[in-house]
Amino acid sequence: MAKIHPCITSSSASSSSFCSDQKQTYTIWMKSLVLNSNGYTVYDSNGGVVYRIDNYDSKSSSEVYLMDLRGNVVCTILRKKLLKFGLWDCYNDKDTRKPWFKVGKPFNLFKHDSVYDVVFGTNETQSISSSNHKMEFKIIDSKGKVAAEVQRKRSSSGVVLGDDVLCVTVEPHVDHIFVMALVAIHGLIHHKM
């Protein structure tokens, strides 16, 4: 069995904020690298592992950790149960006293859509908007622009690879760790992790 040992460069994600001046594409396999555990693995465009979640506990756990390649926790995601609705708090690795951002479903009795609000400490709001497939969604920033898009991955000939293989496109100047945390929260919402 081959082991995955991608090259570690000085530009690997080790801080809580990683942005790029160019559009970036990642592949996410909604499986953990650890046998018999839940989670996901994020690969860059060269096939190297960039981020991972290894959820040893159970599917849809109330506490998960997004790690970089070396196993350093870059953010912690905690689920808080509020009646039937869920609220997720995401903490970056620098400040564990107050959340970096929160994700929750706006309460609306008459509308059952798949939109979740993302609220930062500054009350800046972004949203997650799902499509027909549960794992496909867009992250819309406060100005209404698409910050990132998650779709099922297709081969070069257009064949869909599977429900558990995703392609994530991150626009320039968008925090990649933020996007990967939202992918994890979206997976937890839909019981895919």
N, C-alpha and C. Protein backbone atom coordinates (compact mmCIF):
# COMPACT_ATOMS: atom_id res chain seq x y z
N MET A 1 0.84 -1.17 0.00
CA MET A 1 0.00 0.00 0.00
C MET A 1 0.89 1.24 0.00
N ALA A 2 0.59 2.18 -0.86
CA ALA A 2 1.38 3.40 -0.95
C ALA A 2 0.99 4.36 0.16
N LYS A 3 1.96 5.08 0.67
CA LYS A 3 1.70 6.09 1.68
C LYS A 3 1.68 7.46 1.01
N ILE A 4 0.91 8.36 1.57
CA ILE A 4 0.83 9.71 1.03
C ILE A 4 1.80 10.58 1.79
N HIS A 5 2.84 11.06 1.12
CA HIS A 5 3.82 11.96 1.70
C HIS A 5 4.09 13.09 0.74
N PRO A 6 3.17 14.06 0.63
CA PRO A 6 3.43 15.16 -0.30
C PRO A 6 4.58 16.03 0.19
N CYS A 7 5.16 16.75 -0.72
CA CYS A 7 6.25 17.65 -0.37
C CYS A 7 5.73 18.75 0.54
N ILE A 8 6.46 19.01 1.61
CA ILE A 8 6.10 20.08 2.52
C ILE A 8 6.94 21.29 2.15
N THR A 9 6.26 22.36 1.78
CA THR A 9 6.97 23.58 1.41
C THR A 9 6.70 24.65 2.44
N SER A 10 7.42 25.72 2.35
CA SER A 10 7.23 26.82 3.31
C SER A 10 5.89 27.51 3.12
N SER A 11 5.24 27.27 2.00
CA SER A 11 3.95 27.92 1.76
C SER A 11 2.78 27.07 2.22
N SER A 12 3.06 25.96 2.92
CA SER A 12 1.94 25.14 3.40
C SER A 12 1.14 25.91 4.42
N ALA A 13 -0.12 25.52 4.55
CA ALA A 13 -1.03 26.28 5.42
C ALA A 13 -0.75 25.96 6.87
N SER A 14 -0.10 26.85 7.57
CA SER A 14 0.14 26.63 8.98
C SER A 14 -0.43 27.77 9.82
N SER A 15 -0.94 28.79 9.19
CA SER A 15 -1.54 29.88 9.94
C SER A 15 -3.05 29.76 9.84
N SER A 16 -3.76 30.58 10.60
CA SER A 16 -5.22 30.49 10.59
C SER A 16 -5.82 31.28 9.43
N SER A 17 -5.01 31.92 8.64
CA SER A 17 -5.52 32.68 7.51
C SER A 17 -4.63 32.41 6.31
N PHE A 18 -5.21 31.81 5.28
CA PHE A 18 -4.45 31.51 4.08
C PHE A 18 -5.27 31.97 2.89
N CYS A 19 -4.78 32.98 2.21
CA CYS A 19 -5.44 33.53 1.03
C CYS A 19 -4.48 33.50 -0.13
N SER A 20 -5.02 33.65 -1.32
CA SER A 20 -4.20 33.66 -2.52
C SER A 20 -4.68 34.80 -3.42
N ASP A 21 -3.77 35.28 -4.26
CA ASP A 21 -4.12 36.32 -5.22
C ASP A 21 -4.80 35.74 -6.46
N GLN A 22 -4.79 34.41 -6.57
CA GLN A 22 -5.38 33.74 -7.73
C GLN A 22 -6.47 32.77 -7.30
N LYS A 23 -7.34 32.44 -8.23
CA LYS A 23 -8.37 31.44 -7.97
C LYS A 23 -7.69 30.10 -7.73
N GLN A 24 -8.13 29.38 -6.71
CA GLN A 24 -7.55 28.09 -6.35
C GLN A 24 -8.61 27.01 -6.44
N THR A 25 -8.19 25.81 -6.85
CA THR A 25 -9.09 24.68 -6.93
C THR A 25 -8.56 23.54 -6.07
N TYR A 26 -9.44 22.95 -5.28
CA TYR A 26 -9.09 21.83 -4.41
C TYR A 26 -10.03 20.67 -4.70
N THR A 27 -9.56 19.47 -4.40
CA THR A 27 -10.39 18.28 -4.46
C THR A 27 -10.59 17.80 -3.03
N ILE A 28 -11.83 17.52 -2.68
CA ILE A 28 -12.13 16.99 -1.35
C ILE A 28 -12.71 15.59 -1.51
N TRP A 29 -12.10 14.67 -0.79
CA TRP A 29 -12.63 13.32 -0.71
C TRP A 29 -13.26 13.21 0.66
N MET A 30 -14.55 12.96 0.72
CA MET A 30 -15.29 12.94 1.98
C MET A 30 -15.03 11.65 2.74
N LYS A 31 -13.77 11.31 2.86
CA LYS A 31 -13.31 10.15 3.63
C LYS A 31 -12.08 10.58 4.41
N SER A 32 -11.89 9.96 5.55
CA SER A 32 -10.71 10.21 6.35
C SER A 32 -9.56 9.35 5.85
N LEU A 33 -8.35 9.82 6.05
CA LEU A 33 -7.17 9.00 5.74
C LEU A 33 -6.97 7.91 6.78
N VAL A 34 -7.62 8.05 7.93
CA VAL A 34 -7.51 7.08 9.01
C VAL A 34 -8.59 6.03 8.82
N LEU A 35 -8.21 4.77 8.87
CA LEU A 35 -9.13 3.66 8.67
C LEU A 35 -10.26 3.69 9.70
N ASN A 36 -11.47 3.46 9.25
CA ASN A 36 -12.67 3.37 10.09
C ASN A 36 -12.98 4.65 10.86
N SER A 37 -12.66 5.80 10.31
CA SER A 37 -13.09 7.03 10.94
C SER A 37 -13.74 7.92 9.89
N ASN A 38 -14.51 8.87 10.35
CA ASN A 38 -15.21 9.79 9.45
C ASN A 38 -14.36 11.04 9.28
N GLY A 39 -14.65 11.82 8.25
CA GLY A 39 -13.92 13.06 8.04
C GLY A 39 -13.81 13.36 6.56
N TYR A 40 -12.81 14.17 6.23
CA TYR A 40 -12.52 14.43 4.83
C TYR A 40 -11.06 14.77 4.66
N THR A 41 -10.60 14.67 3.41
CA THR A 41 -9.22 14.99 3.06
C THR A 41 -9.25 15.96 1.90
N VAL A 42 -8.47 17.04 2.00
CA VAL A 42 -8.42 18.08 0.97
C VAL A 42 -7.09 17.98 0.23
N TYR A 43 -7.16 17.91 -1.10
CA TYR A 43 -5.98 17.83 -1.95
C TYR A 43 -5.86 19.10 -2.78
N ASP A 44 -4.64 19.58 -2.97
CA ASP A 44 -4.45 20.74 -3.84
C ASP A 44 -4.41 20.29 -5.30
N SER A 45 -4.19 21.22 -6.22
CA SER A 45 -4.22 20.90 -7.66
C SER A 45 -3.06 19.99 -8.08
N ASN A 46 -2.04 19.84 -7.23
CA ASN A 46 -0.93 18.94 -7.53
C ASN A 46 -1.12 17.56 -6.90
N GLY A 47 -2.21 17.34 -6.19
CA GLY A 47 -2.48 16.05 -5.57
C GLY A 47 -1.92 15.91 -4.17
N GLY A 48 -1.40 16.98 -3.59
CA GLY A 48 -0.87 16.92 -2.23
C GLY A 48 -1.95 17.19 -1.20
N VAL A 49 -1.85 16.51 -0.06
CA VAL A 49 -2.80 16.72 1.03
C VAL A 49 -2.52 18.08 1.66
N VAL A 50 -3.57 18.90 1.81
CA VAL A 50 -3.43 20.23 2.38
C VAL A 50 -4.11 20.31 3.75
N TYR A 51 -5.35 19.85 3.83
CA TYR A 51 -6.12 19.87 5.06
C TYR A 51 -6.78 18.51 5.25
N ARG A 52 -7.19 18.26 6.50
CA ARG A 52 -7.89 17.01 6.76
C ARG A 52 -8.70 17.12 8.04
N ILE A 53 -9.74 16.30 8.10
CA ILE A 53 -10.51 16.13 9.32
C ILE A 53 -10.59 14.63 9.55
N ASP A 54 -10.15 14.20 10.71
CA ASP A 54 -10.26 12.80 11.11
C ASP A 54 -11.17 12.76 12.33
N ASN A 55 -12.40 12.36 12.12
CA ASN A 55 -13.40 12.34 13.17
C ASN A 55 -13.48 10.91 13.71
N TYR A 56 -12.78 10.65 14.80
CA TYR A 56 -12.70 9.30 15.35
C TYR A 56 -13.97 8.90 16.08
N ASP A 57 -14.76 9.87 16.47
CA ASP A 57 -15.91 9.64 17.32
C ASP A 57 -17.05 8.95 16.56
N SER A 58 -17.85 9.71 15.89
CA SER A 58 -18.97 9.17 15.14
C SER A 58 -19.38 10.18 14.08
N LYS A 59 -20.27 9.73 13.19
CA LYS A 59 -20.76 10.64 12.17
C LYS A 59 -21.53 11.78 12.82
N SER A 60 -21.41 12.96 12.24
CA SER A 60 -22.09 14.16 12.72
C SER A 60 -21.76 14.46 14.18
N SER A 61 -20.51 14.35 14.50
CA SER A 61 -20.04 14.63 15.86
C SER A 61 -20.29 16.09 16.20
N SER A 62 -20.33 16.38 17.49
CA SER A 62 -20.58 17.75 17.92
C SER A 62 -19.28 18.55 18.04
N GLU A 63 -18.13 17.91 17.81
CA GLU A 63 -16.85 18.62 17.88
C GLU A 63 -15.88 18.00 16.87
N VAL A 64 -15.43 18.80 15.91
CA VAL A 64 -14.46 18.33 14.92
C VAL A 64 -13.33 19.34 14.80
N TYR A 65 -12.20 18.87 14.33
CA TYR A 65 -11.00 19.70 14.21
C TYR A 65 -10.50 19.66 12.78
N LEU A 66 -10.37 20.84 12.17
CA LEU A 66 -9.76 20.96 10.85
C LEU A 66 -8.27 21.12 11.07
N MET A 67 -7.50 20.23 10.44
CA MET A 67 -6.05 20.21 10.63
C MET A 67 -5.33 20.47 9.31
N ASP A 68 -4.10 20.97 9.42
CA ASP A 68 -3.27 21.09 8.23
C ASP A 68 -2.58 19.75 8.00
N LEU A 69 -1.68 19.71 7.03
CA LEU A 69 -0.99 18.49 6.65
C LEU A 69 -0.24 17.87 7.82
N ARG A 70 0.34 18.68 8.66
CA ARG A 70 1.16 18.18 9.77
C ARG A 70 0.34 17.76 10.98
N GLY A 71 -0.97 17.94 10.94
CA GLY A 71 -1.81 17.58 12.07
C GLY A 71 -2.04 18.71 13.05
N ASN A 72 -1.61 19.92 12.70
CA ASN A 72 -1.86 21.09 13.56
C ASN A 72 -3.31 21.54 13.37
N VAL A 73 -4.01 21.75 14.47
CA VAL A 73 -5.40 22.19 14.40
C VAL A 73 -5.42 23.65 13.95
N VAL A 74 -6.13 23.93 12.84
CA VAL A 74 -6.23 25.31 12.35
C VAL A 74 -7.58 25.92 12.70
N CYS A 75 -8.58 25.09 12.98
CA CYS A 75 -9.84 25.59 13.53
C CYS A 75 -10.63 24.45 14.14
N THR A 76 -11.45 24.82 15.11
CA THR A 76 -12.28 23.87 15.84
C THR A 76 -13.73 24.22 15.57
N ILE A 77 -14.54 23.21 15.26
CA ILE A 77 -15.95 23.41 14.96
C ILE A 77 -16.76 22.71 16.05
N LEU A 78 -17.61 23.48 16.73
CA LEU A 78 -18.45 22.95 17.80
C LEU A 78 -19.91 23.13 17.43
N ARG A 79 -20.70 22.10 17.64
CA ARG A 79 -22.13 22.19 17.38
C ARG A 79 -22.85 22.44 18.68
N LYS A 80 -23.75 23.42 18.65
CA LYS A 80 -24.60 23.72 19.79
C LYS A 80 -26.03 23.43 19.38
N LYS A 81 -26.70 22.59 20.12
CA LYS A 81 -28.07 22.20 19.77
C LYS A 81 -29.05 23.20 20.36
N LEU A 82 -29.90 23.73 19.50
CA LEU A 82 -30.96 24.64 19.91
C LEU A 82 -32.28 24.07 19.40
N LEU A 83 -33.02 23.43 20.27
CA LEU A 83 -34.26 22.75 19.91
C LEU A 83 -34.02 21.84 18.71
N LYS A 84 -34.69 22.08 17.61
CA LYS A 84 -34.53 21.26 16.42
C LYS A 84 -33.45 21.82 15.49
N PHE A 85 -33.04 23.05 15.71
CA PHE A 85 -32.11 23.73 14.82
C PHE A 85 -30.69 23.60 15.37
N GLY A 86 -29.72 23.67 14.51
CA GLY A 86 -28.34 23.59 14.94
C GLY A 86 -27.64 24.92 14.77
N LEU A 87 -26.64 25.13 15.58
CA LEU A 87 -25.80 26.30 15.47
C LEU A 87 -24.37 25.81 15.60
N TRP A 88 -23.52 26.21 14.70
CA TRP A 88 -22.14 25.79 14.71
C TRP A 88 -21.25 26.99 14.98
N ASP A 89 -20.35 26.85 15.93
CA ASP A 89 -19.36 27.88 16.23
C ASP A 89 -18.02 27.39 15.72
N CYS A 90 -17.29 28.26 15.06
CA CYS A 90 -15.97 27.91 14.55
C CYS A 90 -14.94 28.81 15.22
N TYR A 91 -13.94 28.20 15.82
CA TYR A 91 -12.88 28.91 16.52
C TYR A 91 -11.58 28.73 15.75
N ASN A 92 -10.86 29.83 15.53
CA ASN A 92 -9.55 29.67 14.91
C ASN A 92 -8.55 29.28 15.98
N ASP A 93 -7.34 28.96 15.58
CA ASP A 93 -6.36 28.43 16.54
C ASP A 93 -5.76 29.50 17.44
N LYS A 94 -6.06 30.76 17.20
CA LYS A 94 -5.46 31.83 17.99
C LYS A 94 -6.30 32.23 19.19
N ASP A 95 -7.61 32.31 19.02
CA ASP A 95 -8.48 32.78 20.09
C ASP A 95 -9.59 31.78 20.31
N THR A 96 -9.54 31.05 21.41
CA THR A 96 -10.55 30.04 21.68
C THR A 96 -11.65 30.53 22.60
N ARG A 97 -11.62 31.79 23.00
CA ARG A 97 -12.65 32.32 23.89
C ARG A 97 -13.89 32.77 23.14
N LYS A 98 -13.73 33.38 21.99
CA LYS A 98 -14.91 33.80 21.23
C LYS A 98 -14.81 33.25 19.81
N PRO A 99 -15.94 32.88 19.23
CA PRO A 99 -15.92 32.25 17.91
C PRO A 99 -15.41 33.19 16.82
N TRP A 100 -14.71 32.59 15.86
CA TRP A 100 -14.27 33.30 14.67
C TRP A 100 -15.51 33.64 13.85
N PHE A 101 -16.40 32.66 13.68
CA PHE A 101 -17.69 32.88 13.03
C PHE A 101 -18.67 31.82 13.51
N LYS A 102 -19.96 32.08 13.24
CA LYS A 102 -21.04 31.15 13.60
C LYS A 102 -21.86 30.86 12.36
N VAL A 103 -22.40 29.66 12.30
CA VAL A 103 -23.26 29.26 11.19
C VAL A 103 -24.58 28.78 11.78
N GLY A 104 -25.68 29.31 11.23
CA GLY A 104 -27.00 28.90 11.70
C GLY A 104 -28.03 29.07 10.62
N LYS A 105 -29.13 28.38 10.78
CA LYS A 105 -30.22 28.48 9.82
C LYS A 105 -31.18 29.55 10.29
N PRO A 106 -31.48 30.53 9.42
CA PRO A 106 -32.45 31.55 9.81
C PRO A 106 -33.82 30.91 10.03
N PHE A 107 -34.50 31.34 11.06
CA PHE A 107 -35.81 30.79 11.39
C PHE A 107 -36.87 31.39 10.48
N ASN A 108 -37.57 30.52 9.74
CA ASN A 108 -38.65 30.96 8.86
C ASN A 108 -39.66 29.82 8.76
N LEU A 109 -40.85 30.00 9.28
CA LEU A 109 -41.87 28.94 9.28
C LEU A 109 -42.38 28.62 7.88
N PHE A 110 -42.36 29.58 6.98
CA PHE A 110 -43.02 29.41 5.70
C PHE A 110 -42.07 29.02 4.57
N LYS A 111 -40.78 29.08 4.81
CA LYS A 111 -39.82 28.82 3.74
C LYS A 111 -38.84 27.75 4.20
N HIS A 112 -38.75 26.67 3.46
CA HIS A 112 -37.86 25.57 3.80
C HIS A 112 -36.76 25.46 2.74
N ASP A 113 -35.89 26.44 2.68
CA ASP A 113 -34.80 26.40 1.71
C ASP A 113 -33.52 25.96 2.40
N SER A 114 -32.46 25.87 1.62
CA SER A 114 -31.18 25.40 2.14
C SER A 114 -30.18 26.53 2.24
N VAL A 115 -30.57 27.61 2.88
CA VAL A 115 -29.66 28.73 3.05
C VAL A 115 -29.30 28.82 4.52
N TYR A 116 -28.01 28.95 4.79
CA TYR A 116 -27.51 29.12 6.14
C TYR A 116 -26.75 30.43 6.21
N ASP A 117 -26.89 31.12 7.33
CA ASP A 117 -26.17 32.38 7.53
C ASP A 117 -24.85 32.11 8.23
N VAL A 118 -23.83 32.85 7.81
CA VAL A 118 -22.52 32.81 8.43
C VAL A 118 -22.28 34.19 9.01
N VAL A 119 -22.14 34.28 10.33
CA VAL A 119 -22.00 35.57 10.99
C VAL A 119 -20.64 35.64 11.67
N PHE A 120 -19.89 36.70 11.36
CA PHE A 120 -18.60 36.96 11.99
C PHE A 120 -18.81 37.82 13.22
N GLY A 121 -17.78 37.93 14.04
CA GLY A 121 -17.85 38.75 15.25
C GLY A 121 -18.17 40.20 14.97
N THR A 122 -17.87 40.68 13.76
CA THR A 122 -18.14 42.06 13.39
C THR A 122 -19.55 42.24 12.84
N ASN A 123 -20.37 41.19 12.96
CA ASN A 123 -21.74 41.14 12.42
C ASN A 123 -21.78 41.18 10.90
N GLU A 124 -20.64 40.96 10.25
CA GLU A 124 -20.63 40.80 8.80
C GLU A 124 -21.26 39.45 8.50
N THR A 125 -22.17 39.40 7.53
CA THR A 125 -22.88 38.17 7.23
C THR A 125 -22.56 37.69 5.83
N GLN A 126 -22.32 36.39 5.71
CA GLN A 126 -22.21 35.71 4.44
C GLN A 126 -23.24 34.60 4.46
N SER A 127 -23.40 33.87 3.37
CA SER A 127 -24.38 32.79 3.39
C SER A 127 -23.88 31.58 2.61
N ILE A 128 -24.45 30.43 2.97
CA ILE A 128 -24.22 29.18 2.25
C ILE A 128 -25.54 28.88 1.55
N SER A 129 -25.49 28.69 0.24
CA SER A 129 -26.70 28.43 -0.54
C SER A 129 -26.54 27.10 -1.27
N SER A 130 -27.36 26.10 -0.91
CA SER A 130 -27.27 24.77 -1.51
C SER A 130 -28.00 24.69 -2.83
N SER A 131 -27.58 23.72 -3.64
CA SER A 131 -28.27 23.46 -4.91
C SER A 131 -29.10 22.18 -4.75
N ASN A 132 -29.44 21.54 -5.86
CA ASN A 132 -30.26 20.33 -5.83
C ASN A 132 -29.54 19.17 -5.14
N HIS A 133 -28.26 19.02 -5.38
CA HIS A 133 -27.49 17.96 -4.73
C HIS A 133 -27.06 18.44 -3.35
N LYS A 134 -27.18 17.61 -2.34
CA LYS A 134 -26.94 18.04 -0.95
C LYS A 134 -25.54 18.60 -0.72
N MET A 135 -24.53 18.08 -1.39
CA MET A 135 -23.17 18.52 -1.11
C MET A 135 -22.69 19.64 -2.03
N GLU A 136 -23.48 20.06 -2.98
CA GLU A 136 -23.11 21.17 -3.84
C GLU A 136 -23.68 22.46 -3.26
N PHE A 137 -22.82 23.47 -3.13
CA PHE A 137 -23.29 24.74 -2.59
C PHE A 137 -22.34 25.86 -2.98
N LYS A 138 -22.80 27.09 -2.74
CA LYS A 138 -22.00 28.29 -2.98
C LYS A 138 -21.90 29.07 -1.69
N ILE A 139 -20.77 29.74 -1.51
CA ILE A 139 -20.60 30.65 -0.39
C ILE A 139 -20.71 32.05 -0.98
N ILE A 140 -21.70 32.79 -0.52
CA ILE A 140 -21.98 34.13 -1.04
C ILE A 140 -21.51 35.14 0.00
N ASP A 141 -20.68 36.10 -0.42
CA ASP A 141 -20.18 37.10 0.54
C ASP A 141 -21.23 38.17 0.81
N SER A 142 -20.90 39.12 1.67
CA SER A 142 -21.86 40.15 2.08
C SER A 142 -22.25 41.08 0.94
N LYS A 143 -21.48 41.09 -0.14
CA LYS A 143 -21.80 41.94 -1.30
C LYS A 143 -22.59 41.19 -2.36
N GLY A 144 -22.91 39.91 -2.10
CA GLY A 144 -23.67 39.11 -3.05
C GLY A 144 -22.83 38.39 -4.09
N LYS A 145 -21.50 38.45 -3.95
CA LYS A 145 -20.61 37.77 -4.90
C LYS A 145 -20.28 36.37 -4.40
N VAL A 146 -20.03 35.45 -5.34
CA VAL A 146 -19.64 34.09 -4.99
C VAL A 146 -18.19 34.11 -4.52
N ALA A 147 -17.96 33.69 -3.27
CA ALA A 147 -16.61 33.61 -2.70
C ALA A 147 -15.99 32.25 -2.96
N ALA A 148 -16.82 31.21 -2.98
CA ALA A 148 -16.35 29.85 -3.25
C ALA A 148 -17.52 29.01 -3.72
N GLU A 149 -17.21 27.97 -4.47
CA GLU A 149 -18.24 27.08 -4.98
C GLU A 149 -17.79 25.64 -4.81
N VAL A 150 -18.71 24.80 -4.33
CA VAL A 150 -18.43 23.38 -4.13
C VAL A 150 -19.35 22.60 -5.07
N GLN A 151 -18.74 21.75 -5.90
CA GLN A 151 -19.49 20.93 -6.83
C GLN A 151 -18.96 19.51 -6.79
N ARG A 152 -19.75 18.57 -7.31
CA ARG A 152 -19.22 17.21 -7.44
C ARG A 152 -18.14 17.23 -8.51
N LYS A 153 -17.07 16.52 -8.26
CA LYS A 153 -15.93 16.51 -9.18
C LYS A 153 -16.26 15.69 -10.41
N ARG A 154 -15.81 16.19 -11.55
CA ARG A 154 -16.00 15.51 -12.83
C ARG A 154 -14.63 15.21 -13.43
N SER A 155 -14.56 14.10 -14.15
CA SER A 155 -13.33 13.76 -14.85
C SER A 155 -13.18 14.69 -16.05
N SER A 156 -12.05 14.61 -16.72
CA SER A 156 -11.83 15.46 -17.90
C SER A 156 -12.82 15.17 -19.01
N SER A 157 -13.42 13.98 -19.02
CA SER A 157 -14.42 13.64 -20.04
C SER A 157 -15.84 13.96 -19.58
N GLY A 158 -16.00 14.52 -18.36
CA GLY A 158 -17.30 14.96 -17.88
C GLY A 158 -18.05 13.97 -17.02
N VAL A 159 -17.43 12.86 -16.66
CA VAL A 159 -18.09 11.85 -15.84
C VAL A 159 -17.99 12.26 -14.36
N VAL A 160 -19.13 12.22 -13.65
CA VAL A 160 -19.14 12.54 -12.23
C VAL A 160 -18.46 11.41 -11.48
N LEU A 161 -17.47 11.77 -10.63
CA LEU A 161 -16.67 10.75 -9.94
C LEU A 161 -17.39 10.08 -8.79
N GLY A 162 -18.32 10.73 -8.16
CA GLY A 162 -19.06 10.13 -7.05
C GLY A 162 -19.57 11.19 -6.11
N ASP A 163 -20.47 10.78 -5.22
CA ASP A 163 -21.05 11.72 -4.27
C ASP A 163 -20.06 12.20 -3.23
N ASP A 164 -18.99 11.43 -3.01
CA ASP A 164 -18.05 11.78 -1.95
C ASP A 164 -16.77 12.43 -2.46
N VAL A 165 -16.73 12.80 -3.75
CA VAL A 165 -15.57 13.50 -4.31
C VAL A 165 -16.06 14.86 -4.82
N LEU A 166 -15.51 15.92 -4.21
CA LEU A 166 -15.97 17.28 -4.51
C LEU A 166 -14.85 18.13 -5.07
N CYS A 167 -15.23 19.12 -5.84
CA CYS A 167 -14.29 20.12 -6.36
C CYS A 167 -14.66 21.46 -5.73
N VAL A 168 -13.69 22.09 -5.09
CA VAL A 168 -13.91 23.37 -4.43
C VAL A 168 -13.11 24.44 -5.16
N THR A 169 -13.79 25.46 -5.63
CA THR A 169 -13.15 26.59 -6.29
C THR A 169 -13.24 27.79 -5.36
N VAL A 170 -12.08 28.32 -4.98
CA VAL A 170 -12.01 29.45 -4.05
C VAL A 170 -11.55 30.68 -4.83
N GLU A 171 -12.32 31.74 -4.74
CA GLU A 171 -11.99 32.98 -5.44
C GLU A 171 -10.77 33.65 -4.79
N PRO A 172 -10.10 34.56 -5.51
CA PRO A 172 -8.94 35.26 -4.94
C PRO A 172 -9.32 36.05 -3.68
N HIS A 173 -8.37 36.14 -2.74
CA HIS A 173 -8.50 36.92 -1.51
C HIS A 173 -9.57 36.39 -0.56
N VAL A 174 -9.92 35.11 -0.66
CA VAL A 174 -10.86 34.47 0.25
C VAL A 174 -10.06 33.49 1.10
N ASP A 175 -10.28 33.51 2.40
CA ASP A 175 -9.56 32.65 3.33
C ASP A 175 -9.91 31.18 3.07
N HIS A 176 -8.90 30.37 2.73
CA HIS A 176 -9.11 28.97 2.39
C HIS A 176 -9.55 28.15 3.60
N ILE A 177 -9.03 28.47 4.77
CA ILE A 177 -9.42 27.75 5.98
C ILE A 177 -10.90 28.01 6.29
N PHE A 178 -11.35 29.23 6.09
CA PHE A 178 -12.75 29.57 6.27
C PHE A 178 -13.62 28.71 5.35
N VAL A 179 -13.23 28.59 4.08
CA VAL A 179 -14.00 27.79 3.12
C VAL A 179 -14.01 26.33 3.53
N MET A 180 -12.85 25.78 3.92
CA MET A 180 -12.78 24.37 4.31
C MET A 180 -13.59 24.11 5.57
N ALA A 181 -13.64 25.07 6.48
CA ALA A 181 -14.48 24.93 7.68
C ALA A 181 -15.96 24.90 7.29
N LEU A 182 -16.36 25.73 6.33
CA LEU A 182 -17.75 25.72 5.88
C LEU A 182 -18.10 24.43 5.16
N VAL A 183 -17.16 23.86 4.41
CA VAL A 183 -17.39 22.55 3.78
C VAL A 183 -17.63 21.50 4.87
N ALA A 184 -16.83 21.55 5.93
CA ALA A 184 -17.01 20.61 7.03
C ALA A 184 -18.36 20.79 7.70
N ILE A 185 -18.76 22.03 7.97
CA ILE A 185 -20.05 22.29 8.61
C ILE A 185 -21.19 21.83 7.71
N HIS A 186 -21.06 22.08 6.42
CA HIS A 186 -22.08 21.65 5.46
C HIS A 186 -22.17 20.11 5.46
N GLY A 187 -21.03 19.44 5.53
CA GLY A 187 -21.03 17.99 5.61
C GLY A 187 -21.67 17.48 6.89
N LEU A 188 -21.45 18.18 8.00
CA LEU A 188 -22.08 17.81 9.26
C LEU A 188 -23.58 18.03 9.21
N ILE A 189 -24.02 19.11 8.59
CA ILE A 189 -25.45 19.39 8.45
C ILE A 189 -26.14 18.26 7.71
N HIS A 190 -25.49 17.75 6.67
CA HIS A 190 -26.09 16.72 5.82
C HIS A 190 -25.64 15.30 6.19
N HIS A 191 -25.04 15.15 7.36
CA HIS A 191 -24.63 13.84 7.89
C HIS A 191 -23.71 13.09 6.93
N LYS A 192 -22.78 13.80 6.31
CA LYS A 192 -21.82 13.19 5.39
C LYS A 192 -20.47 12.96 6.05
N MET A 193 -20.30 13.41 7.27
CA MET A 193 -19.04 13.23 8.00
C MET A 193 -19.29 12.68 9.38
